[in-house]
Amino acid sequence: MTGTCEMKGFLSFLVLRLISKKAMSGDDIRSELEKRKGCRPSAGTIYPVLKELSSRGLIVEEKGGGRIKKYTITPTGQKELKVATRKFVAMFYDLKDEF
């Protein structure tokens, strides 16, 4: 895939979902998205998302992580992820026959 990563609409959802599986740094997230989506989002795309999720109380920085910041999901983030997943599935389930 060439050009820019076209994931901005779902990026917060994807980042929250990835962090729900295990503690991750911004670079870990960028690498994982590259593996899954075929393009590597820039640091300037990922870090504002992490900041926004953190400010909303959905993720927190792991304590004692050293120089590299790793983030984990909070109980509030878990609840938000469940709601967002239901909305995502409901939104796209109707389109399954289109593909």
PDB file of N, CA and C in Angstrom:
ATOM      1  N   MET A   1       0.856  -1.176   0.000  1.00  0.00           N
ATOM      2  CA  MET A   1       0.000   0.000   0.000  1.00  0.00           C
ATOM      3  C   MET A   1       0.895   1.229   0.000  1.00  0.00           C
ATOM      4  N   THR A   2       0.634   2.142  -0.888  1.00  0.00           N
ATOM      5  CA  THR A   2       1.445   3.344  -0.960  1.00  0.00           C
ATOM      6  C   THR A   2       0.634   4.542  -0.525  1.00  0.00           C
ATOM      7  N   GLY A   3       1.312   5.671  -0.370  1.00  0.00           N
ATOM      8  CA  GLY A   3       0.617   6.886   0.039  1.00  0.00           C
ATOM      9  C   GLY A   3       0.418   6.924   1.535  1.00  0.00           C
ATOM     10  N   THR A   4      -0.504   7.775   1.953  1.00  0.00           N
ATOM     11  CA  THR A   4      -0.740   7.957   3.380  1.00  0.00           C
ATOM     12  C   THR A   4      -1.626   6.851   3.919  1.00  0.00           C
ATOM     13  N   CYS A   5      -1.525   6.639   5.208  1.00  0.00           N
ATOM     14  CA  CYS A   5      -2.397   5.669   5.869  1.00  0.00           C
ATOM     15  C   CYS A   5      -3.793   6.265   5.965  1.00  0.00           C
ATOM     16  N   GLU A   6      -4.768   5.577   5.451  1.00  0.00           N
ATOM     17  CA  GLU A   6      -6.143   6.060   5.489  1.00  0.00           C
ATOM     18  C   GLU A   6      -6.901   5.385   6.622  1.00  0.00           C
ATOM     19  N   MET A   7      -6.481   5.635   7.870  1.00  0.00           N
ATOM     20  CA  MET A   7      -7.117   4.987   9.005  1.00  0.00           C
ATOM     21  C   MET A   7      -7.604   5.972  10.048  1.00  0.00           C
ATOM     22  N   LYS A   8      -7.478   7.258   9.806  1.00  0.00           N
ATOM     23  CA  LYS A   8      -7.736   8.225  10.866  1.00  0.00           C
ATOM     24  C   LYS A   8      -9.103   8.078  11.507  1.00  0.00           C
ATOM     25  N   GLY A   9     -10.127   7.739  10.738  1.00  0.00           N
ATOM     26  CA  GLY A   9     -11.461   7.614  11.299  1.00  0.00           C
ATOM     27  C   GLY A   9     -11.580   6.539  12.363  1.00  0.00           C
ATOM     28  N   PHE A  10     -10.796   5.492  12.249  1.00  0.00           N
ATOM     29  CA  PHE A  10     -10.879   4.374  13.176  1.00  0.00           C
ATOM     30  C   PHE A  10      -9.636   4.236  14.045  1.00  0.00           C
ATOM     31  N   LEU A  11      -8.740   5.195  13.955  1.00  0.00           N
ATOM     32  CA  LEU A  11      -7.465   5.042  14.627  1.00  0.00           C
ATOM     33  C   LEU A  11      -7.592   4.939  16.140  1.00  0.00           C
ATOM     34  N   SER A  12      -8.406   5.761  16.749  1.00  0.00           N
ATOM     35  CA  SER A  12      -8.574   5.681  18.212  1.00  0.00           C
ATOM     36  C   SER A  12      -9.112   4.310  18.607  1.00  0.00           C
ATOM     37  N   PHE A  13     -10.079   3.815  17.852  1.00  0.00           N
ATOM     38  CA  PHE A  13     -10.644   2.487  18.107  1.00  0.00           C
ATOM     39  C   PHE A  13      -9.572   1.410  17.971  1.00  0.00           C
ATOM     40  N   LEU A  14      -8.796   1.465  16.888  1.00  0.00           N
ATOM     41  CA  LEU A  14      -7.760   0.464  16.665  1.00  0.00           C
ATOM     42  C   LEU A  14      -6.692   0.497  17.755  1.00  0.00           C
ATOM     43  N   VAL A  15      -6.269   1.696  18.127  1.00  0.00           N
ATOM     44  CA  VAL A  15      -5.245   1.835  19.168  1.00  0.00           C
ATOM     45  C   VAL A  15      -5.763   1.294  20.493  1.00  0.00           C
ATOM     46  N   LEU A  16      -6.977   1.653  20.853  1.00  0.00           N
ATOM     47  CA  LEU A  16      -7.553   1.163  22.104  1.00  0.00           C
ATOM     48  C   LEU A  16      -7.672  -0.359  22.079  1.00  0.00           C
ATOM     49  N   ARG A  17      -8.074  -0.894  20.955  1.00  0.00           N
ATOM     50  CA  ARG A  17      -8.200  -2.352  20.828  1.00  0.00           C
ATOM     51  C   ARG A  17      -6.845  -3.038  20.981  1.00  0.00           C
ATOM     52  N   LEU A  18      -5.811  -2.502  20.346  1.00  0.00           N
ATOM     53  CA  LEU A  18      -4.472  -3.089  20.458  1.00  0.00           C
ATOM     54  C   LEU A  18      -3.968  -3.039  21.897  1.00  0.00           C
ATOM     55  N   ILE A  19      -4.143  -1.896  22.544  1.00  0.00           N
ATOM     56  CA  ILE A  19      -3.674  -1.746  23.922  1.00  0.00           C
ATOM     57  C   ILE A  19      -4.465  -2.642  24.873  1.00  0.00           C
ATOM     58  N   SER A  20      -5.688  -2.982  24.518  1.00  0.00           N
ATOM     59  CA  SER A  20      -6.480  -3.862  25.382  1.00  0.00           C
ATOM     60  C   SER A  20      -5.889  -5.273  25.436  1.00  0.00           C
ATOM     61  N   LYS A  21      -5.131  -5.643  24.414  1.00  0.00           N
ATOM     62  CA  LYS A  21      -4.532  -6.990  24.341  1.00  0.00           C
ATOM     63  C   LYS A  21      -3.260  -7.092  25.171  1.00  0.00           C
ATOM     64  N   LYS A  22      -2.448  -6.017  25.171  1.00  0.00           N
ATOM     65  CA  LYS A  22      -1.201  -5.992  25.947  1.00  0.00           C
ATOM     66  C   LYS A  22      -0.686  -4.558  26.008  1.00  0.00           C
ATOM     67  N   ALA A  23       0.158  -4.274  26.989  1.00  0.00           N
ATOM     68  CA  ALA A  23       0.768  -2.956  27.108  1.00  0.00           C
ATOM     69  C   ALA A  23       1.624  -2.691  25.868  1.00  0.00           C
ATOM     70  N   MET A  24       1.485  -1.501  25.312  1.00  0.00           N
ATOM     71  CA  MET A  24       2.215  -1.181  24.085  1.00  0.00           C
ATOM     72  C   MET A  24       2.728   0.248  24.128  1.00  0.00           C
ATOM     73  N   SER A  25       3.851   0.468  23.457  1.00  0.00           N
ATOM     74  CA  SER A  25       4.381   1.811  23.254  1.00  0.00           C
ATOM     75  C   SER A  25       3.820   2.345  21.936  1.00  0.00           C
ATOM     76  N   GLY A  26       4.047   3.622  21.688  1.00  0.00           N
ATOM     77  CA  GLY A  26       3.622   4.195  20.413  1.00  0.00           C
ATOM     78  C   GLY A  26       4.276   3.494  19.242  1.00  0.00           C
ATOM     79  N   ASP A  27       5.564   3.178  19.380  1.00  0.00           N
ATOM     80  CA  ASP A  27       6.261   2.490  18.300  1.00  0.00           C
ATOM     81  C   ASP A  27       5.736   1.072  18.105  1.00  0.00           C
ATOM     82  N   ASP A  28       5.398   0.394  19.210  1.00  0.00           N
ATOM     83  CA  ASP A  28       4.788  -0.944  19.109  1.00  0.00           C
ATOM     84  C   ASP A  28       3.494  -0.864  18.293  1.00  0.00           C
ATOM     85  N   ILE A  29       2.705   0.155  18.575  1.00  0.00           N
ATOM     86  CA  ILE A  29       1.418   0.325  17.885  1.00  0.00           C
ATOM     87  C   ILE A  29       1.648   0.598  16.408  1.00  0.00           C
ATOM     88  N   ARG A  30       2.607   1.472  16.107  1.00  0.00           N
ATOM     89  CA  ARG A  30       2.913   1.778  14.706  1.00  0.00           C
ATOM     90  C   ARG A  30       3.333   0.513  13.956  1.00  0.00           C
ATOM     91  N   SER A  31       4.175  -0.309  14.586  1.00  0.00           N
ATOM     92  CA  SER A  31       4.637  -1.554  13.949  1.00  0.00           C
ATOM     93  C   SER A  31       3.491  -2.537  13.753  1.00  0.00           C
ATOM     94  N   GLU A  32       2.639  -2.661  14.753  1.00  0.00           N
ATOM     95  CA  GLU A  32       1.509  -3.588  14.658  1.00  0.00           C
ATOM     96  C   GLU A  32       0.533  -3.157  13.563  1.00  0.00           C
ATOM     97  N   LEU A  33       0.270  -1.868  13.464  1.00  0.00           N
ATOM     98  CA  LEU A  33      -0.622  -1.382  12.408  1.00  0.00           C
ATOM     99  C   LEU A  33       0.004  -1.596  11.037  1.00  0.00           C
ATOM    100  N   GLU A  34       1.306  -1.450  10.949  1.00  0.00           N
ATOM    101  CA  GLU A  34       1.976  -1.705   9.676  1.00  0.00           C
ATOM    102  C   GLU A  34       1.808  -3.170   9.269  1.00  0.00           C
ATOM    103  N   LYS A  35       1.975  -4.087  10.226  1.00  0.00           N
ATOM    104  CA  LYS A  35       1.796  -5.513   9.930  1.00  0.00           C
ATOM    105  C   LYS A  35       0.367  -5.814   9.493  1.00  0.00           C
ATOM    106  N   ARG A  36      -0.592  -5.214  10.184  1.00  0.00           N
ATOM    107  CA  ARG A  36      -1.996  -5.536   9.932  1.00  0.00           C
ATOM    108  C   ARG A  36      -2.593  -4.788   8.749  1.00  0.00           C
ATOM    109  N   LYS A  37      -2.189  -3.542   8.551  1.00  0.00           N
ATOM    110  CA  LYS A  37      -2.842  -2.691   7.558  1.00  0.00           C
ATOM    111  C   LYS A  37      -1.976  -2.365   6.349  1.00  0.00           C
ATOM    112  N   GLY A  38      -0.687  -2.723   6.407  1.00  0.00           N
ATOM    113  CA  GLY A  38       0.164  -2.506   5.250  1.00  0.00           C
ATOM    114  C   GLY A  38       0.787  -1.127   5.158  1.00  0.00           C
ATOM    115  N   CYS A  39       0.550  -0.287   6.122  1.00  0.00           N
ATOM    116  CA  CYS A  39       1.206   1.013   6.134  1.00  0.00           C
ATOM    117  C   CYS A  39       1.520   1.383   7.579  1.00  0.00           C
ATOM    118  N   ARG A  40       2.580   2.173   7.747  1.00  0.00           N
ATOM    119  CA  ARG A  40       3.048   2.544   9.079  1.00  0.00           C
ATOM    120  C   ARG A  40       2.656   3.989   9.339  1.00  0.00           C
ATOM    121  N   PRO A  41       1.729   4.224  10.269  1.00  0.00           N
ATOM    122  CA  PRO A  41       1.351   5.597  10.580  1.00  0.00           C
ATOM    123  C   PRO A  41       2.543   6.335  11.192  1.00  0.00           C
ATOM    124  N   SER A  42       2.606   7.618  10.966  1.00  0.00           N
ATOM    125  CA  SER A  42       3.700   8.423  11.516  1.00  0.00           C
ATOM    126  C   SER A  42       3.526   8.596  13.020  1.00  0.00           C
ATOM    127  N   ALA A  43       4.625   8.928  13.681  1.00  0.00           N
ATOM    128  CA  ALA A  43       4.568   9.230  15.111  1.00  0.00           C
ATOM    129  C   ALA A  43       3.625  10.407  15.351  1.00  0.00           C
ATOM    130  N   GLY A  44       3.609  11.360  14.426  1.00  0.00           N
ATOM    131  CA  GLY A  44       2.737  12.521  14.536  1.00  0.00           C
ATOM    132  C   GLY A  44       1.259  12.190  14.408  1.00  0.00           C
ATOM    133  N   THR A  45       0.952  10.988  13.964  1.00  0.00           N
ATOM    134  CA  THR A  45      -0.430  10.510  13.910  1.00  0.00           C
ATOM    135  C   THR A  45      -0.780   9.734  15.173  1.00  0.00           C
ATOM    136  N   ILE A  46       0.131   8.881  15.627  1.00  0.00           N
ATOM    137  CA  ILE A  46      -0.140   7.997  16.768  1.00  0.00           C
ATOM    138  C   ILE A  46      -0.109   8.720  18.107  1.00  0.00           C
ATOM    139  N   TYR A  47       0.903   9.539  18.334  1.00  0.00           N
ATOM    140  CA  TYR A  47       1.052  10.132  19.670  1.00  0.00           C
ATOM    141  C   TYR A  47      -0.090  11.076  20.067  1.00  0.00           C
ATOM    142  N   PRO A  48      -0.650  11.858  19.162  1.00  0.00           N
ATOM    143  CA  PRO A  48      -1.839  12.632  19.552  1.00  0.00           C
ATOM    144  C   PRO A  48      -3.022  11.745  19.951  1.00  0.00           C
ATOM    145  N   VAL A  49      -3.161  10.589  19.303  1.00  0.00           N
ATOM    146  CA  VAL A  49      -4.227   9.645  19.667  1.00  0.00           C
ATOM    147  C   VAL A  49      -3.984   9.114  21.075  1.00  0.00           C
ATOM    148  N   LEU A  50      -2.737   8.741  21.380  1.00  0.00           N
ATOM    149  CA  LEU A  50      -2.409   8.271  22.724  1.00  0.00           C
ATOM    150  C   LEU A  50      -2.689   9.357  23.764  1.00  0.00           C
ATOM    151  N   LYS A  51      -2.331  10.584  23.446  1.00  0.00           N
ATOM    152  CA  LYS A  51      -2.573  11.703  24.368  1.00  0.00           C
ATOM    153  C   LYS A  51      -4.072  11.893  24.600  1.00  0.00           C
ATOM    154  N   GLU A  52      -4.839  11.826  23.534  1.00  0.00           N
ATOM    155  CA  GLU A  52      -6.296  12.001  23.644  1.00  0.00           C
ATOM    156  C   GLU A  52      -6.927  10.868  24.453  1.00  0.00           C
ATOM    157  N   LEU A  53      -6.533   9.629  24.186  1.00  0.00           N
ATOM    158  CA  LEU A  53      -7.072   8.489  24.935  1.00  0.00           C
ATOM    159  C   LEU A  53      -6.694   8.595  26.414  1.00  0.00           C
ATOM    160  N   SER A  54      -5.481   9.041  26.680  1.00  0.00           N
ATOM    161  CA  SER A  54      -5.020   9.223  28.052  1.00  0.00           C
ATOM    162  C   SER A  54      -5.804  10.328  28.754  1.00  0.00           C
ATOM    163  N   SER A  55      -6.015  11.449  28.071  1.00  0.00           N
ATOM    164  CA  SER A  55      -6.746  12.562  28.680  1.00  0.00           C
ATOM    165  C   SER A  55      -8.200  12.199  28.971  1.00  0.00           C
ATOM    166  N   ARG A  56      -8.745  11.255  28.222  1.00  0.00           N
ATOM    167  CA  ARG A  56     -10.113  10.787  28.451  1.00  0.00           C
ATOM    168  C   ARG A  56     -10.168   9.684  29.505  1.00  0.00           C
ATOM    169  N   GLY A  57      -9.004   9.279  30.034  1.00  0.00           N
ATOM    170  CA  GLY A  57      -8.960   8.260  31.074  1.00  0.00           C
ATOM    171  C   GLY A  57      -9.154   6.842  30.564  1.00  0.00           C
ATOM    172  N   LEU A  58      -8.937   6.632  29.265  1.00  0.00           N
ATOM    173  CA  LEU A  58      -9.156   5.312  28.675  1.00  0.00           C
ATOM    174  C   LEU A  58      -7.893   4.448  28.711  1.00  0.00           C
ATOM    175  N   ILE A  59      -6.735   5.102  28.755  1.00  0.00           N
ATOM    176  CA  ILE A  59      -5.460   4.403  28.884  1.00  0.00           C
ATOM    177  C   ILE A  59      -4.608   5.146  29.907  1.00  0.00           C
ATOM    178  N   VAL A  60      -3.627   4.437  30.461  1.00  0.00           N
ATOM    179  CA  VAL A  60      -2.667   5.060  31.381  1.00  0.00           C
ATOM    180  C   VAL A  60      -1.270   4.579  31.021  1.00  0.00           C
ATOM    181  N   GLU A  61      -0.299   5.414  31.358  1.00  0.00           N
ATOM    182  CA  GLU A  61       1.090   5.033  31.165  1.00  0.00           C
ATOM    183  C   GLU A  61       1.468   4.034  32.247  1.00  0.00           C
ATOM    184  N   GLU A  62       2.122   2.950  31.842  1.00  0.00           N
ATOM    185  CA  GLU A  62       2.580   1.944  32.785  1.00  0.00           C
ATOM    186  C   GLU A  62       3.672   2.535  33.672  1.00  0.00           C
ATOM    187  N   LYS A  63       3.620   2.260  34.944  1.00  0.00           N
ATOM    188  CA  LYS A  63       4.641   2.754  35.872  1.00  0.00           C
ATOM    189  C   LYS A  63       5.877   1.876  35.796  1.00  0.00           C
ATOM    190  N   GLY A  64       7.042   2.500  35.948  1.00  0.00           N
ATOM    191  CA  GLY A  64       8.294   1.749  35.960  1.00  0.00           C
ATOM    192  C   GLY A  64       8.694   1.189  34.616  1.00  0.00           C
ATOM    193  N   GLY A  65       8.211   1.800  33.551  1.00  0.00           N
ATOM    194  CA  GLY A  65       8.498   1.290  32.217  1.00  0.00           C
ATOM    195  C   GLY A  65       9.824   1.736  31.638  1.00  0.00           C
ATOM    196  N   GLY A  66      10.600   2.545  32.367  1.00  0.00           N
ATOM    197  CA  GLY A  66      11.868   3.026  31.837  1.00  0.00           C
ATOM    198  C   GLY A  66      11.660   4.162  30.862  1.00  0.00           C
ATOM    199  N   ARG A  67      12.578   4.292  29.915  1.00  0.00           N
ATOM    200  CA  ARG A  67      12.514   5.398  28.947  1.00  0.00           C
ATOM    201  C   ARG A  67      11.350   5.270  27.978  1.00  0.00           C
ATOM    202  N   ILE A  68      11.015   4.060  27.616  1.00  0.00           N
ATOM    203  CA  ILE A  68       9.936   3.840  26.645  1.00  0.00           C
ATOM    204  C   ILE A  68       8.613   3.780  27.390  1.00  0.00           C
ATOM    205  N   LYS A  69       7.701   4.670  27.008  1.00  0.00           N
ATOM    206  CA  LYS A  69       6.379   4.689  27.637  1.00  0.00           C
ATOM    207  C   LYS A  69       5.522   3.592  27.026  1.00  0.00           C
ATOM    208  N   LYS A  70       4.965   2.769  27.897  1.00  0.00           N
ATOM    209  CA  LYS A  70       3.997   1.758  27.455  1.00  0.00           C
ATOM    210  C   LYS A  70       2.670   2.093  28.110  1.00  0.00           C
ATOM    211  N   TYR A  71       1.611   1.829  27.405  1.00  0.00           N
ATOM    212  CA  TYR A  71       0.278   2.181  27.862  1.00  0.00           C
ATOM    213  C   TYR A  71      -0.567   0.929  28.075  1.00  0.00           C
ATOM    214  N   THR A  72      -1.437   1.005  29.068  1.00  0.00           N
ATOM    215  CA  THR A  72      -2.392  -0.067  29.335  1.00  0.00           C
ATOM    216  C   THR A  72      -3.788   0.532  29.364  1.00  0.00           C
ATOM    217  N   ILE A  73      -4.767  -0.313  29.141  1.00  0.00           N
ATOM    218  CA  ILE A  73      -6.158   0.141  29.127  1.00  0.00           C
ATOM    219  C   ILE A  73      -6.693   0.212  30.564  1.00  0.00           C
ATOM    220  N   THR A  74      -7.548   1.165  30.821  1.00  0.00           N
ATOM    221  CA  THR A  74      -8.175   1.315  32.135  1.00  0.00           C
ATOM    222  C   THR A  74      -9.535   0.615  32.124  1.00  0.00           C
ATOM    223  N   PRO A  75     -10.151   0.427  33.304  1.00  0.00           N
ATOM    224  CA  PRO A  75     -11.516  -0.127  33.319  1.00  0.00           C
ATOM    225  C   PRO A  75     -12.490   0.735  32.494  1.00  0.00           C
ATOM    226  N   THR A  76     -12.320   2.049  32.553  1.00  0.00           N
ATOM    227  CA  THR A  76     -13.162   2.940  31.736  1.00  0.00           C
ATOM    228  C   THR A  76     -12.902   2.683  30.254  1.00  0.00           C
ATOM    229  N   GLY A  77     -11.639   2.468  29.906  1.00  0.00           N
ATOM    230  CA  GLY A  77     -11.281   2.161  28.521  1.00  0.00           C
ATOM    231  C   GLY A  77     -11.882   0.850  28.056  1.00  0.00           C
ATOM    232  N   GLN A  78     -11.919  -0.146  28.950  1.00  0.00           N
ATOM    233  CA  GLN A  78     -12.531  -1.436  28.616  1.00  0.00           C
ATOM    234  C   GLN A  78     -14.014  -1.255  28.283  1.00  0.00           C
ATOM    235  N   LYS A  79     -14.700  -0.460  29.108  1.00  0.00           N
ATOM    236  CA  LYS A  79     -16.131  -0.206  28.865  1.00  0.00           C
ATOM    237  C   LYS A  79     -16.327   0.526  27.542  1.00  0.00           C
ATOM    238  N   GLU A  80     -15.505   1.545  27.299  1.00  0.00           N
ATOM    239  CA  GLU A  80     -15.597   2.315  26.053  1.00  0.00           C
ATOM    240  C   GLU A  80     -15.332   1.423  24.846  1.00  0.00           C
ATOM    241  N   LEU A  81     -14.365   0.522  24.973  1.00  0.00           N
ATOM    242  CA  LEU A  81     -14.036  -0.386  23.878  1.00  0.00           C
ATOM    243  C   LEU A  81     -15.206  -1.316  23.571  1.00  0.00           C
ATOM    244  N   LYS A  82     -15.888  -1.811  24.595  1.00  0.00           N
ATOM    245  CA  LYS A  82     -17.060  -2.667  24.370  1.00  0.00           C
ATOM    246  C   LYS A  82     -18.145  -1.921  23.601  1.00  0.00           C
ATOM    247  N   VAL A  83     -18.409  -0.699  24.011  1.00  0.00           N
ATOM    248  CA  VAL A  83     -19.429   0.119  23.342  1.00  0.00           C
ATOM    249  C   VAL A  83     -19.015   0.397  21.895  1.00  0.00           C
ATOM    250  N   ALA A  84     -17.756   0.797  21.704  1.00  0.00           N
ATOM    251  CA  ALA A  84     -17.265   1.109  20.363  1.00  0.00           C
ATOM    252  C   ALA A  84     -17.281  -0.124  19.460  1.00  0.00           C
ATOM    253  N   THR A  85     -16.950  -1.279  20.017  1.00  0.00           N
ATOM    254  CA  THR A  85     -16.962  -2.519  19.233  1.00  0.00           C
ATOM    255  C   THR A  85     -18.383  -2.851  18.789  1.00  0.00           C
ATOM    256  N   ARG A  86     -19.345  -2.694  19.695  1.00  0.00           N
ATOM    257  CA  ARG A  86     -20.752  -2.942  19.323  1.00  0.00           C
ATOM    258  C   ARG A  86     -21.188  -2.005  18.203  1.00  0.00           C
ATOM    259  N   LYS A  87     -20.824  -0.730  18.316  1.00  0.00           N
ATOM    260  CA  LYS A  87     -21.189   0.247  17.271  1.00  0.00           C
ATOM    261  C   LYS A  87     -20.524  -0.099  15.947  1.00  0.00           C
ATOM    262  N   PHE A  88     -19.250  -0.477  16.004  1.00  0.00           N
ATOM    263  CA  PHE A  88     -18.505  -0.836  14.806  1.00  0.00           C
ATOM    264  C   PHE A  88     -19.159  -2.017  14.102  1.00  0.00           C
ATOM    265  N   VAL A  89     -19.458  -3.058  14.859  1.00  0.00           N
ATOM    266  CA  VAL A  89     -20.084  -4.259  14.290  1.00  0.00           C
ATOM    267  C   VAL A  89     -21.463  -3.922  13.719  1.00  0.00           C
ATOM    268  N   ALA A  90     -22.252  -3.162  14.465  1.00  0.00           N
ATOM    269  CA  ALA A  90     -23.594  -2.797  13.989  1.00  0.00           C
ATOM    270  C   ALA A  90     -23.514  -1.976  12.704  1.00  0.00           C
ATOM    271  N   MET A  91     -22.526  -1.088  12.642  1.00  0.00           N
ATOM    272  CA  MET A  91     -22.385  -0.209  11.474  1.00  0.00           C
ATOM    273  C   MET A  91     -22.039  -0.998  10.220  1.00  0.00           C
ATOM    274  N   PHE A  92     -21.159  -1.986  10.358  1.00  0.00           N
ATOM    275  CA  PHE A  92     -20.662  -2.680   9.189  1.00  0.00           C
ATOM    276  C   PHE A  92     -21.320  -4.032   8.921  1.00  0.00           C
ATOM    277  N   TYR A  93     -22.058  -4.564   9.865  1.00  0.00           N
ATOM    278  CA  TYR A  93     -22.703  -5.851   9.664  1.00  0.00           C
ATOM    279  C   TYR A  93     -23.667  -5.809   8.485  1.00  0.00           C
ATOM    280  N   ASP A  94     -24.389  -4.719   8.362  1.00  0.00           N
ATOM    281  CA  ASP A  94     -25.356  -4.578   7.267  1.00  0.00           C
ATOM    282  C   ASP A  94     -24.672  -4.603   5.907  1.00  0.00           C
ATOM    283  N   LEU A  95     -23.392  -4.283   5.852  1.00  0.00           N
ATOM    284  CA  LEU A  95     -22.682  -4.217   4.578  1.00  0.00           C
ATOM    285  C   LEU A  95     -22.048  -5.537   4.174  1.00  0.00           C
ATOM    286  N   LYS A  96     -22.171  -6.566   5.006  1.00  0.00           N
ATOM    287  CA  LYS A  96     -21.472  -7.836   4.743  1.00  0.00           C
ATOM    288  C   LYS A  96     -21.810  -8.421   3.370  1.00  0.00           C
ATOM    289  N   ASP A  97     -23.031  -8.235   2.908  1.00  0.00           N
ATOM    290  CA  ASP A  97     -23.432  -8.793   1.626  1.00  0.00           C
ATOM    291  C   ASP A  97     -22.878  -7.992   0.447  1.00  0.00           C
ATOM    292  N   GLU A  98     -22.368  -6.796   0.723  1.00  0.00           N
ATOM    293  CA  GLU A  98     -21.826  -5.940  -0.323  1.00  0.00           C
ATOM    294  C   GLU A  98     -20.442  -6.408  -0.786  1.00  0.00           C
ATOM    295  N   PHE A  99     -19.798  -7.249   0.011  1.00  0.00           N
ATOM    296  CA  PHE A  99     -18.407  -7.607  -0.295  1.00  0.00           C
ATOM    297  C   PHE A  99     -18.276  -9.002  -0.802  1.00  0.00           C
TER     298      PHE A  99
END
